Amino acid sequence: MQVYEQARTSAYIVVETTSPERQKRRKARLMSILNEGLPTLPSYVFELNTLLSSASVDLKRVGKVIRNDPSLSAQVLRLCNSALFSLRRRVLSIEEAAILMGSERLRTLVLTCSIMEFTGRQLPRGEVQTYWAHSFMCGMLSERIARWMEYSEREQAYLGGLLHDIGALPLLVVAGEEGALKGDTKSGPWGGTLESEKEYFGMNHCEVGRWIGQAWNFFPSFIDVFENHHHPERSARDPHLVGIIAAADHFCEHHELNRVTDAEPAELEGTDPSFEDDFLTLCLPRLEAKDRSELTEMLETEYFHLLPVIEFNTLADQSVAGRKD
């Protein structure tokens, strides 16, 4: 029997009443994916993120790093020459493409190309788009919060926010294999409760994220983010970073990001201000009430400004997926 449970994103996810045997089978499949099908992020991903985050971007060095990966080079040029930019001539230079795309778009594309290799054709396009829309927005808002708070590791905040839900990808794959991602479902397992994930899969996405972080040899602070972004009070390694990303993630979840299509722009739903304030207090306990109010206003403004970037990254997602067709 299947029931539909309303998730915190106001979308609906399929929750199946499950037996211990089915849960055990799903968990075994999860471990198989983690042990056999998990890629290692190329080292150039982190090098490019550092280069593109600097105040003065060294385009020659950026171009050299990108050209070391032919598939990434092709994606950069393909997107730059797409209808998005409406250019009158074709761009053939990686350096020129980097200028036209901008460092923020380029660095998100780099991570998209790398991690999309994992999902391949195993997930419906809509699920992948929803996942990346949430991840991109969370990464960019995490960076804005870090800047607003004068947190020195803004690059870490961006990357941590972008990758915080990496543990949801294997769950989506398993759910997809069972046909549990129904119709136009707009939320994957990361949009439900950790308890329902645990019941369904035997593991929740935070536990899977911790496993991936350890397998990929991420910094301890990133593993802390993967594991504790829903419960920042449990952070043991870098509570400040976890709090920043938890606040951004919470803000995104409670401002439903509708699926972006060419014909339908994303829309925003309102949230309960007191609920936002309570969670901000949990994430960033040193902030006073006045500061929390200012931070919420900043996030509202930045969210609207960043929606066009999300649309771009959805196009990037489609382009990467199209490469496999």
C-alpha atoms as a PDB file:
ATOM      1  CA  MET A   1       0.000   0.000   0.000  1.00  0.00           C
ATOM      2  CA  GLN A   2       1.204   3.506  -0.788  1.00  0.00           C
ATOM      3  CA  VAL A   3       0.211   6.773   0.823  1.00  0.00           C
ATOM      4  CA  TYR A   4       1.056  10.351  -0.093  1.00  0.00           C
ATOM      5  CA  GLU A   5       2.709  12.396   2.647  1.00  0.00           C
ATOM      6  CA  GLN A   6       2.911  16.184   2.485  1.00  0.00           C
ATOM      7  CA  ALA A   7       6.547  17.158   2.865  1.00  0.00           C
ATOM      8  CA  ARG A   8       7.964  20.365   4.301  1.00  0.00           C
ATOM      9  CA  THR A   9       8.356  21.758   0.786  1.00  0.00           C
ATOM     10  CA  SER A  10       4.565  21.619   0.248  1.00  0.00           C
ATOM     11  CA  ALA A  11       5.149  18.904  -2.340  1.00  0.00           C
ATOM     12  CA  TYR A  12       4.072  15.303  -2.033  1.00  0.00           C
ATOM     13  CA  ILE A  13       6.347  12.311  -1.801  1.00  0.00           C
ATOM     14  CA  VAL A  14       5.375   8.691  -2.080  1.00  0.00           C
ATOM     15  CA  VAL A  15       5.727   6.817   1.205  1.00  0.00           C
ATOM     16  CA  GLU A  16       5.124   3.095   1.061  1.00  0.00           C
ATOM     17  CA  THR A  17       4.138   1.079   4.094  1.00  0.00           C
ATOM     18  CA  THR A  18       7.099  -1.184   4.213  1.00  0.00           C
ATOM     19  CA  SER A  19       7.988  -4.506   5.726  1.00  0.00           C
ATOM     20  CA  PRO A  20      11.329  -5.189   7.443  1.00  0.00           C
ATOM     21  CA  GLU A  21      12.263  -7.397   4.489  1.00  0.00           C
ATOM     22  CA  ARG A  22      11.708  -4.609   1.955  1.00  0.00           C
ATOM     23  CA  GLN A  23      13.577  -2.126   4.100  1.00  0.00           C
ATOM     24  CA  LYS A  24      16.474  -4.574   4.376  1.00  0.00           C
ATOM     25  CA  ARG A  25      16.491  -5.042   0.592  1.00  0.00           C
ATOM     26  CA  ARG A  26      16.493  -1.290  -0.041  1.00  0.00           C
ATOM     27  CA  LYS A  27      19.303  -0.755   2.441  1.00  0.00           C
ATOM     28  CA  ALA A  28      21.336  -3.520   0.771  1.00  0.00           C
ATOM     29  CA  ARG A  29      20.809  -1.822  -2.604  1.00  0.00           C
ATOM     30  CA  LEU A  30      21.902   1.505  -1.102  1.00  0.00           C
ATOM     31  CA  MET A  31      25.104  -0.052   0.211  1.00  0.00           C
ATOM     32  CA  SER A  32      25.728  -1.635  -3.181  1.00  0.00           C
ATOM     33  CA  ILE A  33      25.480   1.783  -4.856  1.00  0.00           C
ATOM     34  CA  LEU A  34      27.730   3.362  -2.242  1.00  0.00           C
ATOM     35  CA  ASN A  35      30.336   0.617  -2.450  1.00  0.00           C
ATOM     36  CA  GLU A  36      30.369   0.025  -6.196  1.00  0.00           C
ATOM     37  CA  GLY A  37      28.821   2.932  -8.074  1.00  0.00           C
ATOM     38  CA  LEU A  38      30.080   6.017  -6.298  1.00  0.00           C
ATOM     39  CA  PRO A  39      32.515   8.177  -8.252  1.00  0.00           C
ATOM     40  CA  THR A  40      35.333  10.246  -6.818  1.00  0.00           C
ATOM     41  CA  LEU A  41      35.165  13.973  -7.457  1.00  0.00           C
ATOM     42  CA  PRO A  42      38.068  15.005  -9.699  1.00  0.00           C
ATOM     43  CA  SER A  43      40.654  17.155  -7.951  1.00  0.00           C
ATOM     44  CA  TYR A  44      40.148  19.935 -10.520  1.00  0.00           C
ATOM     45  CA  VAL A  45      36.654  20.559  -9.101  1.00  0.00           C
ATOM     46  CA  PHE A  46      38.069  22.051  -5.927  1.00  0.00           C
ATOM     47  CA  GLU A  47      40.896  23.840  -7.765  1.00  0.00           C
ATOM     48  CA  LEU A  48      38.405  25.529 -10.086  1.00  0.00           C
ATOM     49  CA  ASN A  49      36.131  26.493  -7.224  1.00  0.00           C
ATOM     50  CA  THR A  50      39.058  28.214  -5.512  1.00  0.00           C
ATOM     51  CA  LEU A  51      40.120  30.014  -8.701  1.00  0.00           C
ATOM     52  CA  LEU A  52      36.588  31.164  -9.534  1.00  0.00           C
ATOM     53  CA  SER A  53      35.946  32.383  -5.990  1.00  0.00           C
ATOM     54  CA  SER A  54      38.892  34.768  -5.905  1.00  0.00           C
ATOM     55  CA  ALA A  55      38.406  38.516  -6.251  1.00  0.00           C
ATOM     56  CA  SER A  56      40.593  38.595  -9.374  1.00  0.00           C
ATOM     57  CA  VAL A  57      39.994  35.501 -11.503  1.00  0.00           C
ATOM     58  CA  ASP A  58      43.009  34.169 -13.413  1.00  0.00           C
ATOM     59  CA  LEU A  59      41.249  33.257 -16.666  1.00  0.00           C
ATOM     60  CA  LYS A  60      44.328  31.675 -18.237  1.00  0.00           C
ATOM     61  CA  ARG A  61      44.667  29.295 -15.343  1.00  0.00           C
ATOM     62  CA  VAL A  62      40.928  28.598 -15.330  1.00  0.00           C
ATOM     63  CA  GLY A  63      41.042  27.821 -19.044  1.00  0.00           C
ATOM     64  CA  LYS A  64      43.999  25.501 -18.598  1.00  0.00           C
ATOM     65  CA  VAL A  65      42.250  23.513 -15.862  1.00  0.00           C
ATOM     66  CA  ILE A  66      38.986  23.227 -17.811  1.00  0.00           C
ATOM     67  CA  ARG A  67      40.755  22.080 -20.981  1.00  0.00           C
ATOM     68  CA  ASN A  68      42.152  19.107 -19.064  1.00  0.00           C
ATOM     69  CA  ASP A  69      38.629  17.656 -19.115  1.00  0.00           C
ATOM     70  CA  PRO A  70      37.319  17.473 -22.719  1.00  0.00           C
ATOM     71  CA  SER A  71      33.723  16.767 -21.669  1.00  0.00           C
ATOM     72  CA  LEU A  72      33.681  19.764 -19.310  1.00  0.00           C
ATOM     73  CA  SER A  73      35.209  21.973 -22.016  1.00  0.00           C
ATOM     74  CA  ALA A  74      32.491  20.890 -24.434  1.00  0.00           C
ATOM     75  CA  GLN A  75      29.748  21.656 -21.905  1.00  0.00           C
ATOM     76  CA  VAL A  76      31.116  25.125 -21.150  1.00  0.00           C
ATOM     77  CA  LEU A  77      31.248  26.025 -24.833  1.00  0.00           C
ATOM     78  CA  ARG A  78      27.886  24.421 -25.596  1.00  0.00           C
ATOM     79  CA  LEU A  79      26.110  26.395 -22.897  1.00  0.00           C
ATOM     80  CA  CYS A  80      27.857  29.625 -23.773  1.00  0.00           C
ATOM     81  CA  ASN A  81      26.755  29.203 -27.397  1.00  0.00           C
ATOM     82  CA  SER A  82      23.203  28.252 -26.454  1.00  0.00           C
ATOM     83  CA  ALA A  83      20.146  30.430 -26.933  1.00  0.00           C
ATOM     84  CA  LEU A  84      20.556  31.642 -23.374  1.00  0.00           C
ATOM     85  CA  PHE A  85      23.189  34.188 -24.399  1.00  0.00           C
ATOM     86  CA  SER A  86      21.796  35.013 -27.882  1.00  0.00           C
ATOM     87  CA  LEU A  87      25.278  35.685 -29.260  1.00  0.00           C
ATOM     88  CA  ARG A  88      25.776  36.650 -32.912  1.00  0.00           C
ATOM     89  CA  ARG A  89      28.933  34.595 -33.239  1.00  0.00           C
ATOM     90  CA  ARG A  90      30.178  31.346 -31.817  1.00  0.00           C
ATOM     91  CA  VAL A  91      32.502  31.411 -28.825  1.00  0.00           C
ATOM     92  CA  LEU A  92      35.472  29.098 -29.267  1.00  0.00           C
ATOM     93  CA  SER A  93      37.654  30.208 -26.367  1.00  0.00           C
ATOM     94  CA  ILE A  94      37.214  28.815 -22.844  1.00  0.00           C
ATOM     95  CA  GLU A  95      38.518  32.106 -21.420  1.00  0.00           C
ATOM     96  CA  GLU A  96      35.914  34.141 -23.336  1.00  0.00           C
ATOM     97  CA  ALA A  97      33.205  31.704 -22.317  1.00  0.00           C
ATOM     98  CA  ALA A  98      34.237  32.112 -18.677  1.00  0.00           C
ATOM     99  CA  ILE A  99      33.874  35.899 -18.971  1.00  0.00           C
ATOM    100  CA  LEU A 100      30.440  35.675 -20.599  1.00  0.00           C
ATOM    101  CA  MET A 101      29.096  33.050 -18.185  1.00  0.00           C
ATOM    102  CA  GLY A 102      30.480  34.620 -15.031  1.00  0.00           C
ATOM    103  CA  SER A 103      32.343  32.855 -12.272  1.00  0.00           C
ATOM    104  CA  GLU A 104      29.237  31.895 -10.279  1.00  0.00           C
ATOM    105  CA  ARG A 105      27.557  30.166 -13.194  1.00  0.00           C
ATOM    106  CA  LEU A 106      30.784  28.514 -14.275  1.00  0.00           C
ATOM    107  CA  ARG A 107      31.668  27.034 -10.918  1.00  0.00           C
ATOM    108  CA  THR A 108      28.167  25.605 -10.440  1.00  0.00           C
ATOM    109  CA  LEU A 109      28.423  24.062 -13.895  1.00  0.00           C
ATOM    110  CA  VAL A 110      31.724  22.419 -12.941  1.00  0.00           C
ATOM    111  CA  LEU A 111      30.124  20.628 -10.011  1.00  0.00           C
ATOM    112  CA  THR A 112      27.037  19.793 -12.058  1.00  0.00           C
ATOM    113  CA  CYS A 113      29.107  18.052 -14.726  1.00  0.00           C
ATOM    114  CA  SER A 114      31.057  16.120 -12.096  1.00  0.00           C
ATOM    115  CA  ILE A 115      28.225  14.890  -9.900  1.00  0.00           C
ATOM    116  CA  MET A 116      25.707  14.318 -12.708  1.00  0.00           C
ATOM    117  CA  GLU A 117      27.964  11.485 -13.814  1.00  0.00           C
ATOM    118  CA  PHE A 118      26.684   9.643 -10.762  1.00  0.00           C
ATOM    119  CA  THR A 119      22.985   9.938 -11.529  1.00  0.00           C
ATOM    120  CA  GLY A 120      23.286   9.323 -15.283  1.00  0.00           C
ATOM    121  CA  ARG A 121      20.069   8.058 -16.739  1.00  0.00           C
ATOM    122  CA  GLN A 122      18.877   6.510 -13.505  1.00  0.00           C
ATOM    123  CA  LEU A 123      16.602   9.382 -12.494  1.00  0.00           C
ATOM    124  CA  PRO A 124      13.711  11.181 -14.199  1.00  0.00           C
ATOM    125  CA  ARG A 125      14.689  14.626 -15.451  1.00  0.00           C
ATOM    126  CA  GLY A 126      12.174  16.351 -13.197  1.00  0.00           C
ATOM    127  CA  GLU A 127      13.644  14.786 -10.080  1.00  0.00           C
ATOM    128  CA  VAL A 128      17.165  15.800 -11.072  1.00  0.00           C
ATOM    129  CA  GLN A 129      16.086  19.350 -11.876  1.00  0.00           C
ATOM    130  CA  THR A 130      14.323  19.699  -8.534  1.00  0.00           C
ATOM    131  CA  TYR A 131      17.349  18.359  -6.684  1.00  0.00           C
ATOM    132  CA  TRP A 132      19.751  20.764  -8.396  1.00  0.00           C
ATOM    133  CA  ALA A 133      17.461  23.779  -8.108  1.00  0.00           C
ATOM    134  CA  HIS A 134      17.372  23.287  -4.348  1.00  0.00           C
ATOM    135  CA  SER A 135      21.117  22.588  -4.121  1.00  0.00           C
ATOM    136  CA  PHE A 136      22.179  25.588  -6.208  1.00  0.00           C
ATOM    137  CA  MET A 137      19.944  27.980  -4.316  1.00  0.00           C
ATOM    138  CA  CYS A 138      21.121  26.639  -0.968  1.00  0.00           C
ATOM    139  CA  GLY A 139      24.766  27.030  -2.009  1.00  0.00           C
ATOM    140  CA  MET A 140      24.332  30.608  -3.138  1.00  0.00           C
ATOM    141  CA  LEU A 141      22.290  31.636  -0.111  1.00  0.00           C
ATOM    142  CA  SER A 142      24.844  29.987   2.183  1.00  0.00           C
ATOM    143  CA  GLU A 143      27.513  32.152   0.593  1.00  0.00           C
ATOM    144  CA  ARG A 144      25.355  35.275   1.053  1.00  0.00           C
ATOM    145  CA  ILE A 145      24.803  34.471   4.721  1.00  0.00           C
ATOM    146  CA  ALA A 146      28.544  33.907   5.206  1.00  0.00           C
ATOM    147  CA  ARG A 147      29.280  37.263   3.585  1.00  0.00           C
ATOM    148  CA  TRP A 148      26.608  39.032   5.649  1.00  0.00           C
ATOM    149  CA  MET A 149      28.046  37.549   8.852  1.00  0.00           C
ATOM    150  CA  GLU A 150      31.629  38.296   7.759  1.00  0.00           C
ATOM    151  CA  TYR A 151      32.444  34.594   7.967  1.00  0.00           C
ATOM    152  CA  SER A 152      35.883  34.181   6.421  1.00  0.00           C
ATOM    153  CA  GLU A 153      35.267  30.830   4.667  1.00  0.00           C
ATOM    154  CA  ARG A 154      32.669  31.973   2.122  1.00  0.00           C
ATOM    155  CA  GLU A 155      33.949  29.472  -0.436  1.00  0.00           C
ATOM    156  CA  GLN A 156      33.420  26.642   2.050  1.00  0.00           C
ATOM    157  CA  ALA A 157      29.906  27.892   2.754  1.00  0.00           C
ATOM    158  CA  TYR A 158      29.077  27.880  -0.967  1.00  0.00           C
ATOM    159  CA  LEU A 159      30.448  24.391  -1.599  1.00  0.00           C
ATOM    160  CA  GLY A 160      28.918  22.974   1.571  1.00  0.00           C
ATOM    161  CA  GLY A 161      25.537  24.434   0.694  1.00  0.00           C
ATOM    162  CA  LEU A 162      25.736  23.119  -2.852  1.00  0.00           C
ATOM    163  CA  LEU A 163      26.630  19.605  -1.735  1.00  0.00           C
ATOM    164  CA  HIS A 164      24.745  19.376   1.575  1.00  0.00           C
ATOM    165  CA  ASP A 165      22.131  16.959   0.184  1.00  0.00           C
ATOM    166  CA  ILE A 166      24.578  14.716  -1.677  1.00  0.00           C
ATOM    167  CA  GLY A 167      23.285  11.821   0.423  1.00  0.00           C
ATOM    168  CA  ALA A 168      19.854  12.133  -1.224  1.00  0.00           C
ATOM    169  CA  LEU A 169      21.119  11.018  -4.655  1.00  0.00           C
ATOM    170  CA  PRO A 170      21.510   7.299  -3.829  1.00  0.00           C
ATOM    171  CA  LEU A 171      18.097   7.364  -2.133  1.00  0.00           C
ATOM    172  CA  LEU A 172      16.562   8.826  -5.279  1.00  0.00           C
ATOM    173  CA  VAL A 173      18.204   6.132  -7.383  1.00  0.00           C
ATOM    174  CA  VAL A 174      16.810   3.321  -5.208  1.00  0.00           C
ATOM    175  CA  ALA A 175      13.348   4.915  -5.117  1.00  0.00           C
ATOM    176  CA  GLY A 176      13.490   5.339  -8.894  1.00  0.00           C
ATOM    177  CA  GLU A 177      14.392   1.703  -9.427  1.00  0.00           C
ATOM    178  CA  GLU A 178      11.288   0.708  -7.473  1.00  0.00           C
ATOM    179  CA  GLY A 179       9.075   3.101  -9.400  1.00  0.00           C
ATOM    180  CA  ALA A 180       8.426   5.119  -6.248  1.00  0.00           C
ATOM    181  CA  LEU A 181       9.041   8.492  -7.919  1.00  0.00           C
ATOM    182  CA  LYS A 182       5.543   8.931  -9.277  1.00  0.00           C
ATOM    183  CA  GLY A 183       4.365  11.295 -11.972  1.00  0.00           C
ATOM    184  CA  ASP A 184       5.239  14.931 -11.393  1.00  0.00           C
ATOM    185  CA  THR A 185       6.424  14.425  -7.815  1.00  0.00           C
ATOM    186  CA  LYS A 186       8.337  17.584  -6.937  1.00  0.00           C
ATOM    187  CA  SER A 187      10.290  16.409  -3.941  1.00  0.00           C
ATOM    188  CA  GLY A 188      12.778  13.621  -3.481  1.00  0.00           C
ATOM    189  CA  PRO A 189      13.639  11.993  -0.147  1.00  0.00           C
ATOM    190  CA  TRP A 190      15.457  15.134   1.063  1.00  0.00           C
ATOM    191  CA  GLY A 191      12.090  16.930   1.163  1.00  0.00           C
ATOM    192  CA  GLY A 192      10.491  14.521   3.642  1.00  0.00           C
ATOM    193  CA  THR A 193      11.356  13.750   7.226  1.00  0.00           C
ATOM    194  CA  LEU A 194      14.493  11.938   8.307  1.00  0.00           C
ATOM    195  CA  GLU A 195      12.287   9.494  10.179  1.00  0.00           C
ATOM    196  CA  SER A 196      10.287   8.506   7.068  1.00  0.00           C
ATOM    197  CA  GLU A 197      13.521   8.040   5.112  1.00  0.00           C
ATOM    198  CA  LYS A 198      14.909   5.816   7.851  1.00  0.00           C
ATOM    199  CA  GLU A 199      11.752   3.726   7.883  1.00  0.00           C
ATOM    200  CA  TYR A 200      11.676   3.379   4.100  1.00  0.00           C
ATOM    201  CA  PHE A 201      15.369   2.903   3.283  1.00  0.00           C
ATOM    202  CA  GLY A 202      16.955   1.837   6.546  1.00  0.00           C
ATOM    203  CA  MET A 203      19.130   4.977   6.315  1.00  0.00           C
ATOM    204  CA  ASN A 204      18.338   8.663   5.946  1.00  0.00           C
ATOM    205  CA  HIS A 205      20.088  11.037   3.560  1.00  0.00           C
ATOM    206  CA  CYS A 206      22.176  12.563   6.357  1.00  0.00           C
ATOM    207  CA  GLU A 207      23.635   9.151   7.226  1.00  0.00           C
ATOM    208  CA  VAL A 208      24.279   8.435   3.556  1.00  0.00           C
ATOM    209  CA  GLY A 209      25.861  11.888   3.207  1.00  0.00           C
ATOM    210  CA  ARG A 210      28.241  11.146   6.055  1.00  0.00           C
ATOM    211  CA  TRP A 211      29.218   7.870   4.350  1.00  0.00           C
ATOM    212  CA  ILE A 212      29.871   9.660   1.044  1.00  0.00           C
ATOM    213  CA  GLY A 213      31.860  12.401   2.767  1.00  0.00           C
ATOM    214  CA  GLN A 214      34.110   9.841   4.406  1.00  0.00           C
ATOM    215  CA  ALA A 215      34.482   7.838   1.180  1.00  0.00           C
ATOM    216  CA  TRP A 216      35.416  10.974  -0.767  1.00  0.00           C
ATOM    217  CA  ASN A 217      37.757  12.109   2.004  1.00  0.00           C
ATOM    218  CA  PHE A 218      36.028  15.457   2.457  1.00  0.00           C
ATOM    219  CA  PHE A 219      37.123  17.866   5.158  1.00  0.00           C
ATOM    220  CA  PRO A 220      35.580  17.019   8.562  1.00  0.00           C
ATOM    221  CA  SER A 221      33.615  20.287   8.445  1.00  0.00           C
ATOM    222  CA  PHE A 222      31.886  19.171   5.225  1.00  0.00           C
ATOM    223  CA  ILE A 223      31.040  15.779   6.711  1.00  0.00           C
ATOM    224  CA  ASP A 224      29.565  17.696   9.634  1.00  0.00           C
ATOM    225  CA  VAL A 225      27.381  19.626   7.178  1.00  0.00           C
ATOM    226  CA  PHE A 226      26.221  16.489   5.335  1.00  0.00           C
ATOM    227  CA  GLU A 227      25.308  14.815   8.616  1.00  0.00           C
ATOM    228  CA  ASN A 228      23.819  17.656  10.680  1.00  0.00           C
ATOM    229  CA  HIS A 229      22.264  20.272   8.370  1.00  0.00           C
ATOM    230  CA  HIS A 230      18.779  19.327   9.651  1.00  0.00           C
ATOM    231  CA  HIS A 231      19.951  19.409  13.266  1.00  0.00           C
ATOM    232  CA  PRO A 232      22.616  22.132  13.528  1.00  0.00           C
ATOM    233  CA  GLU A 233      22.577  21.883  17.319  1.00  0.00           C
ATOM    234  CA  ARG A 234      24.259  18.461  16.949  1.00  0.00           C
ATOM    235  CA  SER A 235      27.263  19.839  15.087  1.00  0.00           C
ATOM    236  CA  ALA A 236      30.509  18.757  16.702  1.00  0.00           C
ATOM    237  CA  ARG A 237      33.180  19.974  14.256  1.00  0.00           C
ATOM    238  CA  ASP A 238      32.140  23.316  12.732  1.00  0.00           C
ATOM    239  CA  PRO A 239      28.854  24.544  14.235  1.00  0.00           C
ATOM    240  CA  HIS A 240      29.209  27.958  12.597  1.00  0.00           C
ATOM    241  CA  LEU A 241      29.435  26.530   9.067  1.00  0.00           C
ATOM    242  CA  VAL A 242      26.703  23.970   9.746  1.00  0.00           C
ATOM    243  CA  GLY A 243      24.469  26.716  11.143  1.00  0.00           C
ATOM    244  CA  ILE A 244      24.933  28.897   8.050  1.00  0.00           C
ATOM    245  CA  ILE A 245      24.074  26.060   5.665  1.00  0.00           C
ATOM    246  CA  ALA A 246      21.205  24.803   7.830  1.00  0.00           C
ATOM    247  CA  ALA A 247      19.684  28.294   7.769  1.00  0.00           C
ATOM    248  CA  ALA A 248      19.969  28.497   3.971  1.00  0.00           C
ATOM    249  CA  ASP A 249      18.581  24.982   3.524  1.00  0.00           C
ATOM    250  CA  HIS A 250      15.657  25.691   5.833  1.00  0.00           C
ATOM    251  CA  PHE A 251      14.907  28.960   4.022  1.00  0.00           C
ATOM    252  CA  CYS A 252      14.873  27.162   0.645  1.00  0.00           C
ATOM    253  CA  GLU A 253      12.666  24.344   1.895  1.00  0.00           C
ATOM    254  CA  HIS A 254      10.075  26.748   3.216  1.00  0.00           C
ATOM    255  CA  HIS A 255      10.075  28.887   0.082  1.00  0.00           C
ATOM    256  CA  GLU A 256       8.888  26.319  -2.375  1.00  0.00           C
ATOM    257  CA  LEU A 257      10.996  26.423  -5.515  1.00  0.00           C
ATOM    258  CA  ASN A 258       8.582  25.236  -8.174  1.00  0.00           C
ATOM    259  CA  ARG A 259       9.974  23.226 -11.024  1.00  0.00           C
ATOM    260  CA  VAL A 260      11.502  25.579 -13.583  1.00  0.00           C
ATOM    261  CA  THR A 261      10.545  25.144 -17.201  1.00  0.00           C
ATOM    262  CA  ASP A 262      11.063  27.258 -20.301  1.00  0.00           C
ATOM    263  CA  ALA A 263       7.445  28.399 -20.127  1.00  0.00           C
ATOM    264  CA  GLU A 264       6.877  28.643 -16.387  1.00  0.00           C
ATOM    265  CA  PRO A 265       9.106  30.717 -14.094  1.00  0.00           C
ATOM    266  CA  ALA A 266       9.643  29.696 -10.501  1.00  0.00           C
ATOM    267  CA  GLU A 267       7.300  31.103  -7.908  1.00  0.00           C
ATOM    268  CA  LEU A 268       7.638  31.801  -4.226  1.00  0.00           C
ATOM    269  CA  GLU A 269       5.381  30.849  -1.352  1.00  0.00           C
ATOM    270  CA  GLY A 270       5.282  32.772   1.892  1.00  0.00           C
ATOM    271  CA  THR A 271       6.321  31.334   5.237  1.00  0.00           C
ATOM    272  CA  ASP A 272       5.538  31.917   8.893  1.00  0.00           C
ATOM    273  CA  PRO A 273       7.998  34.614  10.108  1.00  0.00           C
ATOM    274  CA  SER A 274       8.018  33.250  13.665  1.00  0.00           C
ATOM    275  CA  PHE A 275       8.900  29.808  12.353  1.00  0.00           C
ATOM    276  CA  GLU A 276      11.807  31.270  10.379  1.00  0.00           C
ATOM    277  CA  ASP A 277      13.006  33.188  13.447  1.00  0.00           C
ATOM    278  CA  ASP A 278      12.878  30.129  15.697  1.00  0.00           C
ATOM    279  CA  PHE A 279      15.000  28.094  13.319  1.00  0.00           C
ATOM    280  CA  LEU A 280      17.450  30.938  12.767  1.00  0.00           C
ATOM    281  CA  THR A 281      17.876  31.086  16.525  1.00  0.00           C
ATOM    282  CA  LEU A 282      18.723  27.384  16.513  1.00  0.00           C
ATOM    283  CA  CYS A 283      21.140  27.723  13.580  1.00  0.00           C
ATOM    284  CA  LEU A 284      22.847  30.954  14.594  1.00  0.00           C
ATOM    285  CA  PRO A 285      22.323  31.346  18.350  1.00  0.00           C
ATOM    286  CA  ARG A 286      24.655  34.349  18.669  1.00  0.00           C
ATOM    287  CA  LEU A 287      22.434  36.560  16.536  1.00  0.00           C
ATOM    288  CA  GLU A 288      20.128  38.965  18.309  1.00  0.00           C
ATOM    289  CA  ALA A 289      16.484  39.429  17.267  1.00  0.00           C
ATOM    290  CA  LYS A 290      17.280  42.571  15.243  1.00  0.00           C
ATOM    291  CA  ASP A 291      20.058  40.748  13.380  1.00  0.00           C
ATOM    292  CA  ARG A 292      17.815  37.779  12.622  1.00  0.00           C
ATOM    293  CA  SER A 293      15.214  40.127  11.182  1.00  0.00           C
ATOM    294  CA  GLU A 294      17.813  41.830   8.963  1.00  0.00           C
ATOM    295  CA  LEU A 295      19.165  38.459   7.838  1.00  0.00           C
ATOM    296  CA  THR A 296      15.685  37.247   6.882  1.00  0.00           C
ATOM    297  CA  GLU A 297      15.086  40.393   4.836  1.00  0.00           C
ATOM    298  CA  MET A 298      18.416  39.922   3.082  1.00  0.00           C
ATOM    299  CA  LEU A 299      17.569  36.304   2.252  1.00  0.00           C
ATOM    300  CA  GLU A 300      14.184  37.288   0.824  1.00  0.00           C
ATOM    301  CA  THR A 301      15.840  39.851  -1.455  1.00  0.00           C
ATOM    302  CA  GLU A 302      18.680  37.571  -2.534  1.00  0.00           C
ATOM    303  CA  TYR A 303      16.287  34.695  -3.222  1.00  0.00           C
ATOM    304  CA  PHE A 304      14.414  36.695  -5.847  1.00  0.00           C
ATOM    305  CA  HIS A 305      17.650  37.989  -7.373  1.00  0.00           C
ATOM    306  CA  LEU A 306      19.073  34.478  -7.658  1.00  0.00           C
ATOM    307  CA  LEU A 307      16.105  32.830  -9.353  1.00  0.00           C
ATOM    308  CA  PRO A 308      17.449  33.652 -12.868  1.00  0.00           C
ATOM    309  CA  VAL A 309      20.700  31.891 -11.959  1.00  0.00           C
ATOM    310  CA  ILE A 310      18.675  28.849 -10.939  1.00  0.00           C
ATOM    311  CA  GLU A 311      16.983  28.881 -14.333  1.00  0.00           C
ATOM    312  CA  PHE A 312      20.415  28.904 -15.947  1.00  0.00           C
ATOM    313  CA  ASN A 313      21.582  25.964 -13.879  1.00  0.00           C
ATOM    314  CA  THR A 314      18.446  24.025 -14.812  1.00  0.00           C
ATOM    315  CA  LEU A 315      19.487  24.551 -18.428  1.00  0.00           C
ATOM    316  CA  ALA A 316      22.931  23.280 -17.506  1.00  0.00           C
ATOM    317  CA  ASP A 317      21.367  20.200 -15.964  1.00  0.00           C
ATOM    318  CA  GLN A 318      19.380  19.519 -19.123  1.00  0.00           C
ATOM    319  CA  SER A 319      22.474  19.975 -21.265  1.00  0.00           C
ATOM    320  CA  VAL A 320      24.523  17.554 -19.181  1.00  0.00           C
ATOM    321  CA  ALA A 321      21.704  15.016 -19.267  1.00  0.00           C
ATOM    322  CA  GLY A 322      21.417  15.509 -23.020  1.00  0.00           C
ATOM    323  CA  ARG A 323      25.052  14.595 -23.453  1.00  0.00           C
ATOM    324  CA  LYS A 324      24.146  11.028 -22.429  1.00  0.00           C
ATOM    325  CA  ASP A 325      21.218  10.662 -24.831  1.00  0.00           C
END
